[in-house]
Amino acid sequence: MDGFQAYGAGKAGGAFDPLTFVRQPQTVVRLICWLFSIVILGCVANEGYVNRPEEDEEFCIFNRNQYACSYAVAMGTLCFFCSTGFLALDVYFPQITGVKDRKKAVVADISVSGLWSFIWFVGFCFLANQWQASEEEDNPLNEGADAARAAIVFSFFSIFTWPIGDKRSCSSSSAQSGL
């Protein structure tokens, strides 16, 4: 059991190297999650609300359902803050020396990643369903259609990027088994 590391405890207390941090696959995936949240938020907030030429009031491009746009904006905003928080945790993680504290961080990482993956799945299904149910006469000029499709596509990609981002769980389980 020479190489035993509980939740990466053998690496605890090391100096922070920004170049090494940015090159880690986990950091790259977290930055991708962060970027996807910005894309979804930007697409829906910027071009998600349209109006007919004869109307003044703007409606959500997703089947005129305000809940669809609100859900997408909320997902994008919360995911942005959550991704930022986990990037900060990734920076701070090597400085955590207590095994129990590291375990809490890893369990929180796994739990939140699973939750976000589920939330993105629900969001993808909801947005795709509302987009499919949208009437052509609600948006005759086809404004914001590309932004709506982009929000749907990036919410689909986000389903898979969140579970990939918690690679500490793989290394910690193999470390516990002594591999």
Foldseek 3Di string as FASTA:
>chain_A
DVLFAALNLVLAPDDFDVVVLCPDPLNVLLVLLLVLLVLQLCLCVPFQWDAAPVDDDTAGQLQSDPVLSVLSNVLSVVSNVVSVVVSVCSRCVSHDNDSVVSVVNLVVLQVVLQVNLVSLVVSLVVLVVSNVVHDCNRPVVCTSVVSSVSSNVSSVVSSPSSNVSSCSVVVNVCSVVVD
